[in-house]
């Protein structure tokens, strides 16, 4: 995750950054199913409450062919404007990390990190 953060914090804009060859389907399916999810600043509750677990489990299973090692534990930043830290990190399946970070990149939420973390 350190490598990923160094990458996104070195670019003025991440809107064109691709994480996988399947970013388009991952993003479209994610936004179709999680229209209201505020990915700028997440909480553990929004990701791990019972209702969210059901939706995420179905999404992860449906996307398993699109993300290599889709269920490997991966660190996700809760607040898109902050670095990885103990208070800003949660462990999620890799496919969940990819979906949220692809969306953050496409929606411009990771833009400008290069100015914040010079």
PDB file of N, CA and C in Angstrom:
ATOM      1  N   UNK A   1       0.811  -1.179   0.000  1.00  0.00           N
ATOM      2  CA  UNK A   1       0.000   0.000   0.000  1.00  0.00           C
ATOM      3  C   UNK A   1       0.865   1.259   0.000  1.00  0.00           C
ATOM      4  N   UNK A   2       2.041   1.144   0.548  1.00  0.00           N
ATOM      5  CA  UNK A   2       2.952   2.286   0.531  1.00  0.00           C
ATOM      6  C   UNK A   2       3.277   2.682  -0.905  1.00  0.00           C
ATOM      7  N   UNK A   3       3.482   1.702  -1.761  1.00  0.00           N
ATOM      8  CA  UNK A   3       3.788   1.980  -3.168  1.00  0.00           C
ATOM      9  C   UNK A   3       2.600   2.671  -3.830  1.00  0.00           C
ATOM     10  N   UNK A   4       1.391   2.171  -3.573  1.00  0.00           N
ATOM     11  CA  UNK A   4       0.195   2.779  -4.154  1.00  0.00           C
ATOM     12  C   UNK A   4       0.049   4.223  -3.687  1.00  0.00           C
ATOM     13  N   UNK A   5       0.225   4.466  -2.399  1.00  0.00           N
ATOM     14  CA  UNK A   5       0.070   5.833  -1.902  1.00  0.00           C
ATOM     15  C   UNK A   5       1.139   6.753  -2.475  1.00  0.00           C
ATOM     16  N   UNK A   6       2.358   6.270  -2.601  1.00  0.00           N
ATOM     17  CA  UNK A   6       3.411   7.089  -3.215  1.00  0.00           C
ATOM     18  C   UNK A   6       3.041   7.443  -4.646  1.00  0.00           C
ATOM     19  N   UNK A   7       2.458   6.496  -5.358  1.00  0.00           N
ATOM     20  CA  UNK A   7       2.041   6.744  -6.735  1.00  0.00           C
ATOM     21  C   UNK A   7       0.962   7.821  -6.798  1.00  0.00           C
ATOM     22  N   UNK A   8      -0.130   7.644  -6.055  1.00  0.00           N
ATOM     23  CA  UNK A   8      -1.226   8.610  -6.160  1.00  0.00           C
ATOM     24  C   UNK A   8      -0.869   9.963  -5.563  1.00  0.00           C
ATOM     25  N   UNK A   9       0.059   9.994  -4.609  1.00  0.00           N
ATOM     26  CA  UNK A   9       0.444  11.284  -4.019  1.00  0.00           C
ATOM     27  C   UNK A   9       1.553  11.965  -4.815  1.00  0.00           C
ATOM     28  N   UNK A  10       2.002  11.342  -5.889  1.00  0.00           N
ATOM     29  CA  UNK A  10       3.004  11.977  -6.748  1.00  0.00           C
ATOM     30  C   UNK A  10       2.383  12.560  -8.015  1.00  0.00           C
ATOM     31  N   UNK A  11       1.083  12.334  -8.201  1.00  0.00           N
ATOM     32  CA  UNK A  11       0.399  12.782  -9.412  1.00  0.00           C
ATOM     33  C   UNK A  11      -0.559  13.925  -9.088  1.00  0.00           C
ATOM     34  N   UNK A  12      -0.609  14.966  -9.930  1.00  0.00           N
ATOM     35  CA  UNK A  12      -1.583  16.032  -9.693  1.00  0.00           C
ATOM     36  C   UNK A  12      -3.020  15.538  -9.871  1.00  0.00           C
ATOM     37  N   UNK A  13      -3.220  14.579 -10.779  1.00  0.00           N
ATOM     38  CA  UNK A  13      -4.552  14.019 -11.017  1.00  0.00           C
ATOM     39  C   UNK A  13      -4.437  12.513 -11.218  1.00  0.00           C
ATOM     40  N   UNK A  14      -5.359  11.786 -10.610  1.00  0.00           N
ATOM     41  CA  UNK A  14      -5.369  10.328 -10.750  1.00  0.00           C
ATOM     42  C   UNK A  14      -6.556   9.847 -11.580  1.00  0.00           C
ATOM     43  N   UNK A  15      -7.273  10.770 -12.200  1.00  0.00           N
ATOM     44  CA  UNK A  15      -8.495  10.381 -12.910  1.00  0.00           C
ATOM     45  C   UNK A  15      -8.238   9.400 -14.050  1.00  0.00           C
ATOM     46  N   UNK A  16      -7.062   9.409 -14.633  1.00  0.00           N
ATOM     47  CA  UNK A  16      -6.748   8.484 -15.714  1.00  0.00           C
ATOM     48  C   UNK A  16      -5.974   7.256 -15.279  1.00  0.00           C
ATOM     49  N   UNK A  17      -5.690   7.144 -13.996  1.00  0.00           N
ATOM     50  CA  UNK A  17      -4.906   6.018 -13.478  1.00  0.00           C
ATOM     51  C   UNK A  17      -5.728   4.734 -13.509  1.00  0.00           C
ATOM     52  N   UNK A  18      -5.152   3.686 -14.058  1.00  0.00           N
ATOM     53  CA  UNK A  18      -5.823   2.382 -14.103  1.00  0.00           C
ATOM     54  C   UNK A  18      -5.119   1.440 -13.128  1.00  0.00           C
ATOM     55  N   UNK A  19      -5.905   0.753 -12.315  1.00  0.00           N
ATOM     56  CA  UNK A  19      -5.354  -0.208 -11.364  1.00  0.00           C
ATOM     57  C   UNK A  19      -5.364  -1.628 -11.918  1.00  0.00           C
ATOM     58  N   UNK A  20      -6.337  -1.927 -12.782  1.00  0.00           N
ATOM     59  CA  UNK A  20      -6.435  -3.243 -13.410  1.00  0.00           C
ATOM     60  C   UNK A  20      -6.907  -3.058 -14.844  1.00  0.00           C
ATOM     61  N   UNK A  21      -6.844  -4.120 -15.610  1.00  0.00           N
ATOM     62  CA  UNK A  21      -7.373  -4.057 -16.972  1.00  0.00           C
ATOM     63  C   UNK A  21      -8.902  -4.078 -16.973  1.00  0.00           C
ATOM     64  N   UNK A  22      -9.505  -4.363 -15.823  1.00  0.00           N
ATOM     65  CA  UNK A  22     -10.960  -4.459 -15.708  1.00  0.00           C
ATOM     66  C   UNK A  22     -11.576  -3.292 -14.943  1.00  0.00           C
ATOM     67  N   UNK A  23     -10.873  -2.177 -14.855  1.00  0.00           N
ATOM     68  CA  UNK A  23     -11.368  -1.029 -14.087  1.00  0.00           C
ATOM     69  C   UNK A  23     -12.769  -0.591 -14.507  1.00  0.00           C
ATOM     70  N   UNK A  24     -13.067  -0.625 -15.798  1.00  0.00           N
ATOM     71  CA  UNK A  24     -14.365  -0.137 -16.274  1.00  0.00           C
ATOM     72  C   UNK A  24     -15.519  -0.944 -15.685  1.00  0.00           C
ATOM     73  N   UNK A  25     -15.448  -2.260 -15.770  1.00  0.00           N
ATOM     74  CA  UNK A  25     -16.523  -3.106 -15.244  1.00  0.00           C
ATOM     75  C   UNK A  25     -16.559  -3.059 -13.716  1.00  0.00           C
ATOM     76  N   UNK A  26     -15.406  -3.004 -13.094  1.00  0.00           N
ATOM     77  CA  UNK A  26     -15.342  -2.915 -11.631  1.00  0.00           C
ATOM     78  C   UNK A  26     -16.022  -1.632 -11.165  1.00  0.00           C
ATOM     79  N   UNK A  27     -15.688  -0.518 -11.807  1.00  0.00           N
ATOM     80  CA  UNK A  27     -16.261   0.778 -11.421  1.00  0.00           C
ATOM     81  C   UNK A  27     -17.760   0.828 -11.705  1.00  0.00           C
ATOM     82  N   UNK A  28     -18.162   0.436 -12.909  1.00  0.00           N
ATOM     83  CA  UNK A  28     -19.580   0.520 -13.277  1.00  0.00           C
ATOM     84  C   UNK A  28     -20.442  -0.325 -12.353  1.00  0.00           C
ATOM     85  N   UNK A  29     -20.008  -1.545 -12.082  1.00  0.00           N
ATOM     86  CA  UNK A  29     -20.771  -2.424 -11.198  1.00  0.00           C
ATOM     87  C   UNK A  29     -20.790  -1.869  -9.773  1.00  0.00           C
ATOM     88  N   UNK A  30     -19.656  -1.349  -9.323  1.00  0.00           N
ATOM     89  CA  UNK A  30     -19.579  -0.747  -7.990  1.00  0.00           C
ATOM     90  C   UNK A  30     -20.573   0.407  -7.859  1.00  0.00           C
ATOM     91  N   UNK A  31     -20.566   1.329  -8.804  1.00  0.00           N
ATOM     92  CA  UNK A  31     -21.456   2.493  -8.709  1.00  0.00           C
ATOM     93  C   UNK A  31     -22.918   2.116  -8.921  1.00  0.00           C
ATOM     94  N   UNK A  32     -23.196   1.078  -9.710  1.00  0.00           N
ATOM     95  CA  UNK A  32     -24.574   0.604  -9.858  1.00  0.00           C
ATOM     96  C   UNK A  32     -25.108   0.080  -8.533  1.00  0.00           C
ATOM     97  N   UNK A  33     -24.269  -0.581  -7.774  1.00  0.00           N
ATOM     98  CA  UNK A  33     -24.710  -1.216  -6.525  1.00  0.00           C
ATOM     99  C   UNK A  33     -24.532  -0.343  -5.284  1.00  0.00           C
ATOM    100  N   UNK A  34     -23.625   0.611  -5.341  1.00  0.00           N
ATOM    101  CA  UNK A  34     -23.330   1.449  -4.168  1.00  0.00           C
ATOM    102  C   UNK A  34     -23.443   2.929  -4.544  1.00  0.00           C
ATOM    103  N   UNK A  35     -24.583   3.298  -5.127  1.00  0.00           N
ATOM    104  CA  UNK A  35     -24.796   4.672  -5.614  1.00  0.00           C
ATOM    105  C   UNK A  35     -24.596   5.728  -4.530  1.00  0.00           C
ATOM    106  N   UNK A  36     -25.061   5.449  -3.350  1.00  0.00           N
ATOM    107  CA  UNK A  36     -25.074   6.439  -2.273  1.00  0.00           C
ATOM    108  C   UNK A  36     -23.845   6.397  -1.369  1.00  0.00           C
ATOM    109  N   UNK A  37     -22.943   5.459  -1.588  1.00  0.00           N
ATOM    110  CA  UNK A  37     -21.789   5.321  -0.701  1.00  0.00           C
ATOM    111  C   UNK A  37     -20.833   6.492  -0.880  1.00  0.00           C
ATOM    112  N   UNK A  38     -20.597   7.225   0.200  1.00  0.00           N
ATOM    113  CA  UNK A  38     -19.664   8.357   0.193  1.00  0.00           C
ATOM    114  C   UNK A  38     -18.257   7.810   0.382  1.00  0.00           C
ATOM    115  N   UNK A  39     -17.519   7.717  -0.711  1.00  0.00           N
ATOM    116  CA  UNK A  39     -16.190   7.109  -0.659  1.00  0.00           C
ATOM    117  C   UNK A  39     -15.100   8.095  -0.272  1.00  0.00           C
ATOM    118  N   UNK A  40     -15.449   9.362  -0.148  1.00  0.00           N
ATOM    119  CA  UNK A  40     -14.447  10.351   0.271  1.00  0.00           C
ATOM    120  C   UNK A  40     -13.981  10.055   1.687  1.00  0.00           C
ATOM    121  N   UNK A  41     -14.937   9.794   2.566  1.00  0.00           N
ATOM    122  CA  UNK A  41     -14.611   9.521   3.963  1.00  0.00           C
ATOM    123  C   UNK A  41     -15.507   8.386   4.460  1.00  0.00           C
ATOM    124  N   UNK A  42     -14.934   7.220   4.559  1.00  0.00           N
ATOM    125  CA  UNK A  42     -15.665   6.027   4.975  1.00  0.00           C
ATOM    126  C   UNK A  42     -15.520   5.800   6.477  1.00  0.00           C
ATOM    127  N   UNK A  43     -16.386   4.974   7.005  1.00  0.00           N
ATOM    128  CA  UNK A  43     -16.257   4.525   8.393  1.00  0.00           C
ATOM    129  C   UNK A  43     -16.312   3.000   8.394  1.00  0.00           C
ATOM    130  N   UNK A  44     -15.823   2.416   9.458  1.00  0.00           N
ATOM    131  CA  UNK A  44     -15.904   0.963   9.576  1.00  0.00           C
ATOM    132  C   UNK A  44     -17.356   0.518   9.518  1.00  0.00           C
ATOM    133  N   UNK A  45     -18.241   1.276  10.125  1.00  0.00           N
ATOM    134  CA  UNK A  45     -19.664   0.932  10.148  1.00  0.00           C
ATOM    135  C   UNK A  45     -20.254   0.883   8.738  1.00  0.00           C
ATOM    136  N   UNK A  46     -19.899   1.852   7.878  1.00  0.00           N
ATOM    137  CA  UNK A  46     -20.464   1.859   6.524  1.00  0.00           C
ATOM    138  C   UNK A  46     -19.981   0.673   5.693  1.00  0.00           C
ATOM    139  N   UNK A  47     -18.849   0.114   6.056  1.00  0.00           N
ATOM    140  CA  UNK A  47     -18.298  -1.013   5.304  1.00  0.00           C
ATOM    141  C   UNK A  47     -18.619  -2.370   5.916  1.00  0.00           C
ATOM    142  N   UNK A  48     -18.852  -2.403   7.231  1.00  0.00           N
ATOM    143  CA  UNK A  48     -18.931  -3.703   7.902  1.00  0.00           C
ATOM    144  C   UNK A  48     -20.210  -3.953   8.693  1.00  0.00           C
ATOM    145  N   UNK A  49     -21.192  -3.058   8.599  1.00  0.00           N
ATOM    146  CA  UNK A  49     -22.466  -3.349   9.258  1.00  0.00           C
ATOM    147  C   UNK A  49     -23.113  -4.534   8.538  1.00  0.00           C
ATOM    148  N   UNK A  50     -24.105  -5.151   9.141  1.00  0.00           N
ATOM    149  CA  UNK A  50     -24.709  -6.360   8.577  1.00  0.00           C
ATOM    150  C   UNK A  50     -25.236  -6.142   7.161  1.00  0.00           C
ATOM    151  N   UNK A  51     -25.922  -5.039   6.940  1.00  0.00           N
ATOM    152  CA  UNK A  51     -26.468  -4.738   5.609  1.00  0.00           C
ATOM    153  C   UNK A  51     -25.350  -4.573   4.577  1.00  0.00           C
ATOM    154  N   UNK A  52     -24.308  -3.862   4.959  1.00  0.00           N
ATOM    155  CA  UNK A  52     -23.176  -3.647   4.049  1.00  0.00           C
ATOM    156  C   UNK A  52     -22.462  -4.957   3.747  1.00  0.00           C
ATOM    157  N   UNK A  53     -22.304  -5.797   4.748  1.00  0.00           N
ATOM    158  CA  UNK A  53     -21.625  -7.084   4.540  1.00  0.00           C
ATOM    159  C   UNK A  53     -22.325  -7.918   3.471  1.00  0.00           C
ATOM    160  N   UNK A  54     -23.644  -7.914   3.505  1.00  0.00           N
ATOM    161  CA  UNK A  54     -24.415  -8.681   2.522  1.00  0.00           C
ATOM    162  C   UNK A  54     -24.174  -8.138   1.118  1.00  0.00           C
ATOM    163  N   UNK A  55     -24.270  -6.816   0.970  1.00  0.00           N
ATOM    164  CA  UNK A  55     -24.052  -6.202  -0.346  1.00  0.00           C
ATOM    165  C   UNK A  55     -22.624  -6.415  -0.826  1.00  0.00           C
ATOM    166  N   UNK A  56     -21.650  -6.225   0.049  1.00  0.00           N
ATOM    167  CA  UNK A  56     -20.249  -6.386  -0.339  1.00  0.00           C
ATOM    168  C   UNK A  56     -19.921  -7.836  -0.671  1.00  0.00           C
ATOM    169  N   UNK A  57     -20.477  -8.772   0.070  1.00  0.00           N
ATOM    170  CA  UNK A  57     -20.209 -10.187  -0.202  1.00  0.00           C
ATOM    171  C   UNK A  57     -20.665 -10.541  -1.618  1.00  0.00           C
ATOM    172  N   UNK A  58     -21.858 -10.077  -1.991  1.00  0.00           N
ATOM    173  CA  UNK A  58     -22.370 -10.354  -3.338  1.00  0.00           C
ATOM    174  C   UNK A  58     -21.496  -9.679  -4.393  1.00  0.00           C
ATOM    175  N   UNK A  59     -21.126  -8.428  -4.152  1.00  0.00           N
ATOM    176  CA  UNK A  59     -20.266  -7.710  -5.102  1.00  0.00           C
ATOM    177  C   UNK A  59     -18.922  -8.428  -5.259  1.00  0.00           C
ATOM    178  N   UNK A  60     -18.303  -8.780  -4.157  1.00  0.00           N
ATOM    179  CA  UNK A  60     -16.994  -9.448  -4.199  1.00  0.00           C
ATOM    180  C   UNK A  60     -17.071 -10.763  -4.961  1.00  0.00           C
ATOM    181  N   UNK A  61     -18.101 -11.531  -4.705  1.00  0.00           N
ATOM    182  CA  UNK A  61     -18.258 -12.802  -5.414  1.00  0.00           C
ATOM    183  C   UNK A  61     -18.471 -12.585  -6.908  1.00  0.00           C
ATOM    184  N   UNK A  62     -19.243 -11.575  -7.264  1.00  0.00           N
ATOM    185  CA  UNK A  62     -19.496 -11.284  -8.676  1.00  0.00           C
ATOM    186  C   UNK A  62     -18.257 -10.765  -9.395  1.00  0.00           C
ATOM    187  N   UNK A  63     -17.355 -10.127  -8.676  1.00  0.00           N
ATOM    188  CA  UNK A  63     -16.164  -9.523  -9.281  1.00  0.00           C
ATOM    189  C   UNK A  63     -14.916 -10.398  -9.185  1.00  0.00           C
ATOM    190  N   UNK A  64     -15.035 -11.590  -8.626  1.00  0.00           N
ATOM    191  CA  UNK A  64     -13.841 -12.407  -8.378  1.00  0.00           C
ATOM    192  C   UNK A  64     -13.055 -12.734  -9.641  1.00  0.00           C
ATOM    193  N   UNK A  65     -13.691 -12.782 -10.788  1.00  0.00           N
ATOM    194  CA  UNK A  65     -12.979 -13.059 -12.039  1.00  0.00           C
ATOM    195  C   UNK A  65     -12.271 -11.817 -12.581  1.00  0.00           C
ATOM    196  N   UNK A  66     -12.586 -10.656 -12.036  1.00  0.00           N
ATOM    197  CA  UNK A  66     -12.039  -9.394 -12.540  1.00  0.00           C
ATOM    198  C   UNK A  66     -10.862  -8.855 -11.742  1.00  0.00           C
ATOM    199  N   UNK A  67     -10.630  -9.413 -10.556  1.00  0.00           N
ATOM    200  CA  UNK A  67      -9.535  -8.942  -9.700  1.00  0.00           C
ATOM    201  C   UNK A  67      -8.739 -10.154  -9.223  1.00  0.00           C
ATOM    202  N   UNK A  68      -7.471 -10.190  -9.589  1.00  0.00           N
ATOM    203  CA  UNK A  68      -6.602 -11.285  -9.165  1.00  0.00           C
ATOM    204  C   UNK A  68      -6.497 -11.287  -7.637  1.00  0.00           C
ATOM    205  N   UNK A  69      -6.553 -12.468  -7.058  1.00  0.00           N
ATOM    206  CA  UNK A  69      -6.487 -12.609  -5.597  1.00  0.00           C
ATOM    207  C   UNK A  69      -7.536 -11.721  -4.926  1.00  0.00           C
ATOM    208  N   UNK A  70      -8.756 -11.777  -5.438  1.00  0.00           N
ATOM    209  CA  UNK A  70      -9.831 -10.866  -5.047  1.00  0.00           C
ATOM    210  C   UNK A  70     -10.121 -10.839  -3.554  1.00  0.00           C
ATOM    211  N   UNK A  71      -9.855 -11.922  -2.848  1.00  0.00           N
ATOM    212  CA  UNK A  71     -10.215 -11.959  -1.427  1.00  0.00           C
ATOM    213  C   UNK A  71      -9.025 -11.820  -0.485  1.00  0.00           C
ATOM    214  N   UNK A  72      -7.845 -11.471  -1.003  1.00  0.00           N
ATOM    215  CA  UNK A  72      -6.685 -11.245  -0.137  1.00  0.00           C
ATOM    216  C   UNK A  72      -6.911 -10.002   0.723  1.00  0.00           C
ATOM    217  N   UNK A  73      -6.506 -10.074   1.959  1.00  0.00           N
ATOM    218  CA  UNK A  73      -6.637  -8.933   2.871  1.00  0.00           C
ATOM    219  C   UNK A  73      -5.769  -7.774   2.378  1.00  0.00           C
ATOM    220  N   UNK A  74      -6.372  -6.590   2.328  1.00  0.00           N
ATOM    221  CA  UNK A  74      -5.703  -5.396   1.808  1.00  0.00           C
ATOM    222  C   UNK A  74      -6.069  -4.205   2.681  1.00  0.00           C
ATOM    223  N   UNK A  75      -5.126  -3.305   2.881  1.00  0.00           N
ATOM    224  CA  UNK A  75      -5.383  -2.108   3.682  1.00  0.00           C
ATOM    225  C   UNK A  75      -6.027  -1.022   2.831  1.00  0.00           C
ATOM    226  N   UNK A  76      -7.091  -0.434   3.355  1.00  0.00           N
ATOM    227  CA  UNK A  76      -7.817   0.643   2.688  1.00  0.00           C
ATOM    228  C   UNK A  76      -7.804   1.880   3.571  1.00  0.00           C
ATOM    229  N   UNK A  77      -7.529   3.031   2.975  1.00  0.00           N
ATOM    230  CA  UNK A  77      -7.631   4.295   3.709  1.00  0.00           C
ATOM    231  C   UNK A  77      -9.108   4.651   3.865  1.00  0.00           C
ATOM    232  N   UNK A  78      -9.522   4.999   5.067  1.00  0.00           N
ATOM    233  CA  UNK A  78     -10.907   5.397   5.290  1.00  0.00           C
ATOM    234  C   UNK A  78     -11.168   6.793   4.727  1.00  0.00           C
ATOM    235  N   UNK A  79     -10.275   7.721   4.993  1.00  0.00           N
ATOM    236  CA  UNK A  79     -10.395   9.097   4.507  1.00  0.00           C
ATOM    237  C   UNK A  79      -9.468   9.266   3.308  1.00  0.00           C
ATOM    238  N   UNK A  80     -10.041   9.608   2.169  1.00  0.00           N
ATOM    239  CA  UNK A  80      -9.252   9.705   0.938  1.00  0.00           C
ATOM    240  C   UNK A  80      -8.257  10.856   0.949  1.00  0.00           C
ATOM    241  N   UNK A  81      -8.381  11.793   1.865  1.00  0.00           N
ATOM    242  CA  UNK A  81      -7.474  12.946   1.923  1.00  0.00           C
ATOM    243  C   UNK A  81      -6.321  12.724   2.896  1.00  0.00           C
ATOM    244  N   UNK A  82      -6.237  11.527   3.459  1.00  0.00           N
ATOM    245  CA  UNK A  82      -5.197  11.238   4.448  1.00  0.00           C
ATOM    246  C   UNK A  82      -4.357  10.040   4.029  1.00  0.00           C
ATOM    247  N   UNK A  83      -3.182   9.957   4.636  1.00  0.00           N
ATOM    248  CA  UNK A  83      -2.225   8.883   4.384  1.00  0.00           C
ATOM    249  C   UNK A  83      -2.653   7.625   5.144  1.00  0.00           C
ATOM    250  N   UNK A  84      -1.944   6.538   4.906  1.00  0.00           N
ATOM    251  CA  UNK A  84      -2.145   5.324   5.683  1.00  0.00           C
ATOM    252  C   UNK A  84      -1.643   5.556   7.103  1.00  0.00           C
ATOM    253  N   UNK A  85      -2.479   5.245   8.078  1.00  0.00           N
ATOM    254  CA  UNK A  85      -2.117   5.327   9.491  1.00  0.00           C
ATOM    255  C   UNK A  85      -3.018   4.352  10.239  1.00  0.00           C
ATOM    256  N   UNK A  86      -2.688   4.110  11.483  1.00  0.00           N
ATOM    257  CA  UNK A  86      -3.495   3.175  12.267  1.00  0.00           C
ATOM    258  C   UNK A  86      -4.950   3.626  12.361  1.00  0.00           C
ATOM    259  N   UNK A  87      -5.169   4.915  12.531  1.00  0.00           N
ATOM    260  CA  UNK A  87      -6.531   5.424  12.686  1.00  0.00           C
ATOM    261  C   UNK A  87      -7.262   5.609  11.357  1.00  0.00           C
ATOM    262  N   UNK A  88      -6.550   5.549  10.238  1.00  0.00           N
ATOM    263  CA  UNK A  88      -7.168   5.792   8.933  1.00  0.00           C
ATOM    264  C   UNK A  88      -7.136   4.546   8.042  1.00  0.00           C
ATOM    265  N   UNK A  89      -6.999   3.387   8.644  1.00  0.00           N
ATOM    266  CA  UNK A  89      -6.838   2.173   7.849  1.00  0.00           C
ATOM    267  C   UNK A  89      -7.768   1.078   8.343  1.00  0.00           C
ATOM    268  N   UNK A  90      -8.288   0.326   7.384  1.00  0.00           N
ATOM    269  CA  UNK A  90      -9.128  -0.829   7.684  1.00  0.00           C
ATOM    270  C   UNK A  90      -8.717  -1.950   6.727  1.00  0.00           C
ATOM    271  N   UNK A  91      -8.851  -3.186   7.172  1.00  0.00           N
ATOM    272  CA  UNK A  91      -8.531  -4.336   6.330  1.00  0.00           C
ATOM    273  C   UNK A  91      -9.798  -4.763   5.589  1.00  0.00           C
ATOM    274  N   UNK A  92      -9.679  -4.880   4.267  1.00  0.00           N
ATOM    275  CA  UNK A  92     -10.801  -5.276   3.414  1.00  0.00           C
ATOM    276  C   UNK A  92     -10.302  -6.288   2.376  1.00  0.00           C
ATOM    277  N   UNK A  93     -11.214  -7.003   1.719  1.00  0.00           N
ATOM    278  CA  UNK A  93     -10.789  -7.857   0.605  1.00  0.00           C
ATOM    279  C   UNK A  93     -10.227  -6.990  -0.533  1.00  0.00           C
ATOM    280  N   UNK A  94      -9.270  -7.513  -1.255  1.00  0.00           N
ATOM    281  CA  UNK A  94      -8.618  -6.742  -2.325  1.00  0.00           C
ATOM    282  C   UNK A  94      -9.625  -6.163  -3.317  1.00  0.00           C
ATOM    283  N   UNK A  95     -10.658  -6.910  -3.676  1.00  0.00           N
ATOM    284  CA  UNK A  95     -11.627  -6.409  -4.650  1.00  0.00           C
ATOM    285  C   UNK A  95     -12.350  -5.169  -4.111  1.00  0.00           C
ATOM    286  N   UNK A  96     -12.583  -5.103  -2.821  1.00  0.00           N
ATOM    287  CA  UNK A  96     -13.220  -3.933  -2.219  1.00  0.00           C
ATOM    288  C   UNK A  96     -12.271  -2.739  -2.282  1.00  0.00           C
ATOM    289  N   UNK A  97     -11.003  -2.953  -1.990  1.00  0.00           N
ATOM    290  CA  UNK A  97      -9.993  -1.901  -2.123  1.00  0.00           C
ATOM    291  C   UNK A  97      -9.954  -1.379  -3.558  1.00  0.00           C
ATOM    292  N   UNK A  98      -9.876  -2.290  -4.519  1.00  0.00           N
ATOM    293  CA  UNK A  98      -9.783  -1.879  -5.924  1.00  0.00           C
ATOM    294  C   UNK A  98     -11.022  -1.083  -6.327  1.00  0.00           C
ATOM    295  N   UNK A  99     -12.206  -1.558  -5.975  1.00  0.00           N
ATOM    296  CA  UNK A  99     -13.441  -0.858  -6.342  1.00  0.00           C
ATOM    297  C   UNK A  99     -13.466   0.560  -5.782  1.00  0.00           C
ATOM    298  N   UNK A 100     -13.142   0.709  -4.514  1.00  0.00           N
ATOM    299  CA  UNK A 100     -13.194   2.025  -3.876  1.00  0.00           C
ATOM    300  C   UNK A 100     -12.103   2.934  -4.415  1.00  0.00           C
ATOM    301  N   UNK A 101     -10.895   2.427  -4.591  1.00  0.00           N
ATOM    302  CA  UNK A 101      -9.809   3.275  -5.092  1.00  0.00           C
ATOM    303  C   UNK A 101      -9.972   3.625  -6.569  1.00  0.00           C
ATOM    304  N   UNK A 102     -10.498   2.721  -7.380  1.00  0.00           N
ATOM    305  CA  UNK A 102     -10.801   3.068  -8.776  1.00  0.00           C
ATOM    306  C   UNK A 102     -11.831   4.197  -8.791  1.00  0.00           C
ATOM    307  N   UNK A 103     -12.856   4.077  -7.954  1.00  0.00           N
ATOM    308  CA  UNK A 103     -13.882   5.123  -7.887  1.00  0.00           C
ATOM    309  C   UNK A 103     -13.295   6.442  -7.388  1.00  0.00           C
ATOM    310  N   UNK A 104     -12.472   6.398  -6.366  1.00  0.00           N
ATOM    311  CA  UNK A 104     -11.834   7.627  -5.869  1.00  0.00           C
ATOM    312  C   UNK A 104     -10.994   8.281  -6.956  1.00  0.00           C
ATOM    313  N   UNK A 105     -10.271   7.478  -7.713  1.00  0.00           N
ATOM    314  CA  UNK A 105      -9.458   8.032  -8.795  1.00  0.00           C
ATOM    315  C   UNK A 105     -10.340   8.649  -9.872  1.00  0.00           C
ATOM    316  N   UNK A 106     -11.324   7.923 -10.341  1.00  0.00           N
ATOM    317  CA  UNK A 106     -12.182   8.412 -11.425  1.00  0.00           C
ATOM    318  C   UNK A 106     -12.999   9.627 -11.017  1.00  0.00           C
ATOM    319  N   UNK A 107     -13.373   9.693  -9.759  1.00  0.00           N
ATOM    320  CA  UNK A 107     -14.200  10.799  -9.287  1.00  0.00           C
ATOM    321  C   UNK A 107     -13.367  11.961  -8.756  1.00  0.00           C
ATOM    322  N   UNK A 108     -12.049  11.872  -8.900  1.00  0.00           N
ATOM    323  CA  UNK A 108     -11.158  12.972  -8.542  1.00  0.00           C
ATOM    324  C   UNK A 108     -10.884  13.134  -7.063  1.00  0.00           C
ATOM    325  N   UNK A 109     -11.238  12.156  -6.258  1.00  0.00           N
ATOM    326  CA  UNK A 109     -11.059  12.286  -4.812  1.00  0.00           C
ATOM    327  C   UNK A 109      -9.615  12.117  -4.369  1.00  0.00           C
ATOM    328  N   UNK A 110      -8.784  11.527  -5.208  1.00  0.00           N
ATOM    329  CA  UNK A 110      -7.355  11.412  -4.894  1.00  0.00           C
ATOM    330  C   UNK A 110      -6.538  12.514  -5.561  1.00  0.00           C
ATOM    331  N   UNK A 111      -7.199  13.371  -6.321  1.00  0.00           N
ATOM    332  CA  UNK A 111      -6.497  14.481  -6.970  1.00  0.00           C
ATOM    333  C   UNK A 111      -5.976  15.456  -5.923  1.00  0.00           C
ATOM    334  N   UNK A 112      -4.814  15.991  -6.168  1.00  0.00           N
ATOM    335  CA  UNK A 112      -4.245  16.997  -5.279  1.00  0.00           C
ATOM    336  C   UNK A 112      -3.490  16.447  -4.090  1.00  0.00           C
ATOM    337  N   UNK A 113      -3.411  15.134  -3.951  1.00  0.00           N
ATOM    338  CA  UNK A 113      -2.641  14.569  -2.841  1.00  0.00           C
ATOM    339  C   UNK A 113      -1.173  14.954  -2.948  1.00  0.00           C
ATOM    340  N   UNK A 114      -0.710  15.192  -4.172  1.00  0.00           N
ATOM    341  CA  UNK A 114       0.691  15.594  -4.357  1.00  0.00           C
ATOM    342  C   UNK A 114       0.978  16.927  -3.675  1.00  0.00           C
ATOM    343  N   UNK A 115      -0.014  17.792  -3.560  1.00  0.00           N
ATOM    344  CA  UNK A 115       0.161  19.072  -2.862  1.00  0.00           C
ATOM    345  C   UNK A 115       0.109  18.895  -1.345  1.00  0.00           C
ATOM    346  N   UNK A 116      -0.708  17.969  -0.887  1.00  0.00           N
ATOM    347  CA  UNK A 116      -0.842  17.736   0.558  1.00  0.00           C
ATOM    348  C   UNK A 116       0.347  16.993   1.149  1.00  0.00           C
ATOM    349  N   UNK A 117       0.985  16.142   0.333  1.00  0.00           N
ATOM    350  CA  UNK A 117       2.053  15.282   0.842  1.00  0.00           C
ATOM    351  C   UNK A 117       3.349  15.491   0.076  1.00  0.00           C
ATOM    352  N   UNK A 118       3.799  16.726   0.018  1.00  0.00           N
ATOM    353  CA  UNK A 118       5.069  17.064  -0.657  1.00  0.00           C
ATOM    354  C   UNK A 118       6.234  16.619   0.178  1.00  0.00           C
TER     355      UNK A 118
END
